[in-house]
């Protein structure tokens, strides 16, 4: 089950250059070199990152990778980060419908299932790939055109939830592979969000993983196939203090953060 915090419904990621960095932890600066022309970016285990989906975007955080909202973040903000040799990940919900997105009316009502626990969001019938593919392709085009390096597709485990549809593991694998292909066709890296049960089948088709609360739920070892493949695991905890998980995260080579549930600027990275 996705444990992603609720995305605020107002456009808080405003066009801005670096702001003060208030709420960010101090630490050594880190950057990530751009991939060679024609090659896809591949984040490596242990790379530093920042995950910010709300508040005014802080481009001064000393992290090599920024994971930010694809709709709210502007092309100019992405360019600002790129000039500082930061790599950027475009956050999108690909497995659930959100009523506050500008393309919400393009999704047929019959494709919308049960609520996923967050206001204004409902699971999608991911079996309907012929209809979903062009909708997601347009979103991925947006990420590419803004200059992002990668995509974080969220809500990619509907088959494990009460979605309102009789989704199977095979349905989920088929859809997740489609999402990976859409990203790769546009030169974008793509991350597997949660969906721990399908890591063995999907690690070869995804370029990194994003996980919420694996330490709290005793699941972090299940992400090691990505590390063994030389691919980053971006990990966040909300309820555990960094002192409770950082030592184990370092041993597993995870890129771990303590964050507040609003996913604003504040972060505490494992040293």
Protein backbone atom coordinates (compact mmCIF):
# COMPACT_ATOMS: atom_id res chain seq x y z
CA UNK A 1 0.00 0.00 0.00
CA UNK A 2 1.24 3.46 -0.84
CA UNK A 3 1.81 5.51 2.27
CA UNK A 4 2.43 8.76 0.40
CA UNK A 5 1.36 11.87 2.34
CA UNK A 6 -1.46 14.00 0.94
CA UNK A 7 -0.43 16.46 -1.74
CA UNK A 8 -1.71 19.95 -0.98
CA UNK A 9 -4.20 21.23 -3.48
CA UNK A 10 -2.84 24.74 -3.91
CA UNK A 11 0.04 25.72 -6.20
CA UNK A 12 2.74 26.13 -3.59
CA UNK A 13 5.72 25.32 -5.75
CA UNK A 14 6.21 28.79 -7.18
CA UNK A 15 8.68 30.00 -9.75
CA UNK A 16 11.72 30.95 -7.71
CA UNK A 17 15.42 30.82 -7.52
CA UNK A 18 17.10 29.53 -4.41
CA UNK A 19 15.45 30.56 -1.20
CA UNK A 20 16.95 30.66 2.24
CA UNK A 21 17.21 26.92 2.82
CA UNK A 22 15.34 27.24 6.14
CA UNK A 23 14.38 23.79 7.41
CA UNK A 24 17.08 21.95 5.50
CA UNK A 25 19.75 20.02 7.30
CA UNK A 26 23.35 21.07 6.98
CA UNK A 27 25.84 18.77 5.34
CA UNK A 28 28.38 18.50 2.54
CA UNK A 29 27.32 19.75 -0.84
CA UNK A 30 26.58 17.06 -3.41
CA UNK A 31 25.98 17.16 -7.13
CA UNK A 32 25.24 14.66 -9.87
CA UNK A 33 26.85 14.85 -13.28
CA UNK A 34 24.58 14.87 -16.31
CA UNK A 35 24.43 11.65 -18.33
CA UNK A 36 26.33 11.47 -21.59
CA UNK A 37 24.40 12.64 -24.67
CA UNK A 38 21.90 9.99 -25.71
CA UNK A 39 22.20 8.09 -22.44
CA UNK A 40 19.64 7.80 -19.66
CA UNK A 41 20.50 9.03 -16.17
CA UNK A 42 21.15 6.22 -13.67
CA UNK A 43 21.25 7.22 -9.98
CA UNK A 44 23.69 5.12 -7.98
CA UNK A 45 23.25 3.73 -4.46
CA UNK A 46 23.87 6.22 -1.68
CA UNK A 47 23.32 9.38 -3.74
CA UNK A 48 21.84 12.24 -1.71
CA UNK A 49 18.33 13.50 -2.40
CA UNK A 50 15.56 15.88 -1.42
CA UNK A 51 11.84 15.10 -1.72
CA UNK A 52 9.65 18.21 -1.73
CA UNK A 53 6.04 18.27 -2.90
CA UNK A 54 4.70 21.26 -0.94
CA UNK A 55 5.79 24.77 0.05
CA UNK A 56 7.88 27.15 -2.02
CA UNK A 57 10.56 25.12 -3.75
CA UNK A 58 13.92 25.42 -2.02
CA UNK A 59 16.65 25.01 -4.62
CA UNK A 60 19.45 25.57 -2.09
CA UNK A 61 19.33 22.13 -0.46
CA UNK A 62 22.70 20.37 -0.59
CA UNK A 63 21.42 17.27 -2.36
CA UNK A 64 22.33 15.76 -5.71
CA UNK A 65 18.78 14.73 -6.59
CA UNK A 66 15.48 16.59 -6.23
CA UNK A 67 12.16 14.73 -6.42
CA UNK A 68 9.46 17.38 -6.99
CA UNK A 69 5.89 17.68 -8.26
CA UNK A 70 5.72 17.37 -12.05
CA UNK A 71 2.72 19.64 -12.56
CA UNK A 72 3.64 22.38 -10.08
CA UNK A 73 7.35 22.64 -10.79
CA UNK A 74 8.19 24.93 -13.69
CA UNK A 75 10.61 24.49 -16.54
CA UNK A 76 12.58 27.43 -15.15
CA UNK A 77 12.95 25.78 -11.75
CA UNK A 78 14.17 22.57 -13.36
CA UNK A 79 16.69 24.59 -15.36
CA UNK A 80 17.91 26.30 -12.18
CA UNK A 81 18.60 22.93 -10.62
CA UNK A 82 20.23 21.59 -13.76
CA UNK A 83 22.65 24.53 -13.87
CA UNK A 84 23.70 23.56 -10.34
CA UNK A 85 24.36 19.98 -11.51
CA UNK A 86 21.35 18.64 -9.66
CA UNK A 87 19.26 15.89 -11.25
CA UNK A 88 15.48 16.13 -11.09
CA UNK A 89 12.71 13.55 -10.69
CA UNK A 90 9.17 14.36 -11.86
CA UNK A 91 6.57 13.18 -9.34
CA UNK A 92 3.29 11.97 -10.93
CA UNK A 93 0.43 9.79 -9.76
CA UNK A 94 0.04 7.13 -12.45
CA UNK A 95 -2.11 4.61 -10.57
CA UNK A 96 -4.67 6.95 -9.04
CA UNK A 97 -6.79 9.83 -10.34
CA UNK A 98 -6.51 13.24 -8.67
CA UNK A 99 -9.39 15.68 -9.06
CA UNK A 100 -7.10 18.71 -8.68
CA UNK A 101 -4.91 18.02 -11.73
CA UNK A 102 -5.46 20.05 -14.92
CA UNK A 103 -6.14 16.92 -16.98
CA UNK A 104 -8.59 15.35 -14.49
CA UNK A 105 -11.58 15.72 -16.85
CA UNK A 106 -9.86 13.56 -19.49
CA UNK A 107 -10.26 10.41 -17.37
CA UNK A 108 -13.60 8.62 -17.95
CA UNK A 109 -15.74 8.21 -14.84
CA UNK A 110 -15.92 4.45 -15.47
CA UNK A 111 -12.13 4.27 -15.07
CA UNK A 112 -12.27 5.68 -11.53
CA UNK A 113 -12.52 3.28 -8.62
CA UNK A 114 -12.55 3.50 -4.86
CA UNK A 115 -10.82 6.25 -2.94
CA UNK A 116 -7.21 5.54 -2.03
CA UNK A 117 -7.37 7.27 1.35
CA UNK A 118 -6.45 10.78 0.21
CA UNK A 119 -8.90 13.61 -0.48
CA UNK A 120 -9.79 13.93 -4.16
CA UNK A 121 -8.02 10.71 -5.21
CA UNK A 122 -9.40 7.43 -6.57
CA UNK A 123 -7.71 4.30 -7.85
CA UNK A 124 -7.55 3.84 -11.63
CA UNK A 125 -8.61 0.74 -13.53
CA UNK A 126 -5.11 -0.06 -14.74
CA UNK A 127 -6.43 -2.90 -16.91
CA UNK A 128 -7.58 -0.26 -19.40
CA UNK A 129 -4.13 0.32 -20.83
CA UNK A 130 -5.35 1.39 -24.28
CA UNK A 131 -7.07 4.41 -22.71
CA UNK A 132 -4.50 5.11 -20.02
CA UNK A 133 -1.45 4.99 -22.27
CA UNK A 134 -2.13 8.26 -24.17
CA UNK A 135 -3.11 10.04 -20.95
CA UNK A 136 0.11 9.02 -19.21
CA UNK A 137 2.15 9.66 -22.35
CA UNK A 138 1.06 13.31 -22.29
CA UNK A 139 2.13 13.61 -18.68
CA UNK A 140 5.50 12.06 -19.44
CA UNK A 141 5.88 14.42 -22.39
CA UNK A 142 5.38 17.27 -19.92
CA UNK A 143 8.16 15.92 -17.69
CA UNK A 144 10.52 15.55 -20.64
CA UNK A 145 9.70 18.99 -22.03
CA UNK A 146 10.36 20.63 -18.65
CA UNK A 147 13.82 19.07 -18.63
CA UNK A 148 13.40 16.44 -15.93
CA UNK A 149 15.82 13.52 -15.80
CA UNK A 150 13.41 10.95 -14.39
CA UNK A 151 9.86 10.14 -13.29
CA UNK A 152 8.53 8.91 -9.94
CA UNK A 153 5.19 7.22 -10.76
CA UNK A 154 3.08 6.89 -7.61
CA UNK A 155 0.24 4.53 -6.60
CA UNK A 156 1.75 1.62 -8.52
CA UNK A 157 0.38 -1.11 -6.23
CA UNK A 158 -3.38 -0.87 -6.69
CA UNK A 159 -3.71 -4.63 -6.94
CA UNK A 160 -2.75 -4.90 -3.25
CA UNK A 161 -5.47 -2.43 -2.23
CA UNK A 162 -9.26 -2.19 -2.26
CA UNK A 163 -9.33 -0.39 -5.60
CA UNK A 164 -12.90 -1.12 -6.66
CA UNK A 165 -11.63 -3.33 -9.48
CA UNK A 166 -10.58 -7.02 -9.51
CA UNK A 167 -6.94 -6.19 -10.21
CA UNK A 168 -4.40 -9.01 -10.24
CA UNK A 169 -0.65 -9.10 -9.83
CA UNK A 170 -0.38 -9.72 -13.58
CA UNK A 171 -2.47 -6.61 -14.28
CA UNK A 172 -0.08 -4.60 -12.12
CA UNK A 173 3.03 -6.01 -13.76
CA UNK A 174 1.64 -5.25 -17.21
CA UNK A 175 0.79 -1.67 -16.27
CA UNK A 176 4.04 -1.00 -14.42
CA UNK A 177 6.02 -2.23 -17.41
CA UNK A 178 4.01 0.07 -19.66
CA UNK A 179 4.85 3.01 -17.38
CA UNK A 180 8.54 2.11 -17.49
CA UNK A 181 8.44 1.91 -21.28
CA UNK A 182 6.73 5.31 -21.60
CA UNK A 183 9.49 6.86 -19.51
CA UNK A 184 12.34 5.13 -21.32
CA UNK A 185 10.91 5.99 -24.75
CA UNK A 186 11.33 9.64 -23.74
CA UNK A 187 14.85 9.24 -22.40
CA UNK A 188 13.67 9.46 -18.79
CA UNK A 189 14.75 7.21 -15.93
CA UNK A 190 11.89 5.74 -13.91
CA UNK A 191 11.52 4.60 -10.32
CA UNK A 192 9.48 1.80 -8.79
CA UNK A 193 7.40 3.25 -5.94
CA UNK A 194 6.81 0.87 -3.04
CA UNK A 195 5.32 -2.34 -4.65
CA UNK A 196 7.83 -4.47 -2.78
CA UNK A 197 6.29 -7.79 -3.77
CA UNK A 198 7.08 -7.23 -7.45
CA UNK A 199 10.67 -6.05 -7.10
CA UNK A 200 12.10 -9.38 -8.33
CA UNK A 201 10.12 -9.13 -11.58
CA UNK A 202 10.63 -5.39 -12.13
CA UNK A 203 14.12 -4.50 -10.91
CA UNK A 204 15.51 -4.99 -14.42
CA UNK A 205 13.02 -2.57 -15.94
CA UNK A 206 13.20 0.27 -13.41
CA UNK A 207 16.20 2.52 -12.82
CA UNK A 208 15.77 3.18 -9.09
CA UNK A 209 13.27 2.62 -6.27
CA UNK A 210 11.38 5.03 -4.02
CA UNK A 211 10.17 3.69 -0.68
CA UNK A 212 8.21 5.03 2.25
CA UNK A 213 8.73 3.68 5.76
CA UNK A 214 10.57 0.43 5.04
CA UNK A 215 12.41 0.77 8.36
CA UNK A 216 9.22 1.22 10.37
CA UNK A 217 7.68 -1.85 8.74
CA UNK A 218 10.84 -4.00 8.71
CA UNK A 219 10.98 -4.15 4.90
CA UNK A 220 14.24 -2.46 3.89
CA UNK A 221 16.11 -5.68 3.09
CA UNK A 222 13.54 -6.39 0.39
CA UNK A 223 14.95 -3.44 -1.59
CA UNK A 224 18.45 -4.91 -1.87
CA UNK A 225 17.93 -6.20 -5.46
CA UNK A 226 18.09 -2.58 -6.60
CA UNK A 227 21.28 -1.92 -4.65
CA UNK A 228 22.85 -5.12 -5.98
CA UNK A 229 22.01 -3.94 -9.51
CA UNK A 230 23.82 -0.63 -8.87
CA UNK A 231 20.56 1.34 -8.66
CA UNK A 232 19.63 3.89 -5.99
CA UNK A 233 16.94 3.34 -3.39
CA UNK A 234 15.43 6.66 -2.26
CA UNK A 235 13.91 6.03 1.17
CA UNK A 236 11.97 8.19 3.62
CA UNK A 237 10.67 7.73 7.17
CA UNK A 238 8.01 9.93 8.78
CA UNK A 239 7.53 8.53 12.27
CA UNK A 240 10.94 7.12 13.15
CA UNK A 241 13.76 9.53 14.08
CA UNK A 242 16.89 9.30 11.96
CA UNK A 243 18.77 7.81 14.90
CA UNK A 244 16.54 4.73 14.65
CA UNK A 245 17.24 3.87 11.01
CA UNK A 246 20.34 5.63 9.67
CA UNK A 247 22.88 3.04 10.80
CA UNK A 248 20.98 0.28 9.02
CA UNK A 249 20.38 2.49 5.99
CA UNK A 250 24.09 3.12 5.63
CA UNK A 251 24.79 -0.62 5.81
CA UNK A 252 22.22 -1.26 3.08
CA UNK A 253 23.46 1.73 0.99
CA UNK A 254 20.02 3.37 0.97
CA UNK A 255 19.56 7.09 0.32
CA UNK A 256 17.53 7.77 3.46
CA UNK A 257 15.74 10.83 4.80
CA UNK A 258 13.60 11.69 7.77
CA UNK A 259 10.74 13.91 6.54
CA UNK A 260 7.57 15.43 7.91
CA UNK A 261 4.40 14.08 6.36
CA UNK A 262 3.64 17.27 4.42
CA UNK A 263 6.81 16.69 2.36
CA UNK A 264 7.79 20.32 2.57
CA UNK A 265 11.33 21.71 2.65
CA UNK A 266 12.38 20.24 6.01
CA UNK A 267 14.59 17.15 5.82
CA UNK A 268 17.10 15.31 7.93
CA UNK A 269 19.46 13.16 5.88
CA UNK A 270 21.40 10.21 7.19
CA UNK A 271 25.06 11.29 7.45
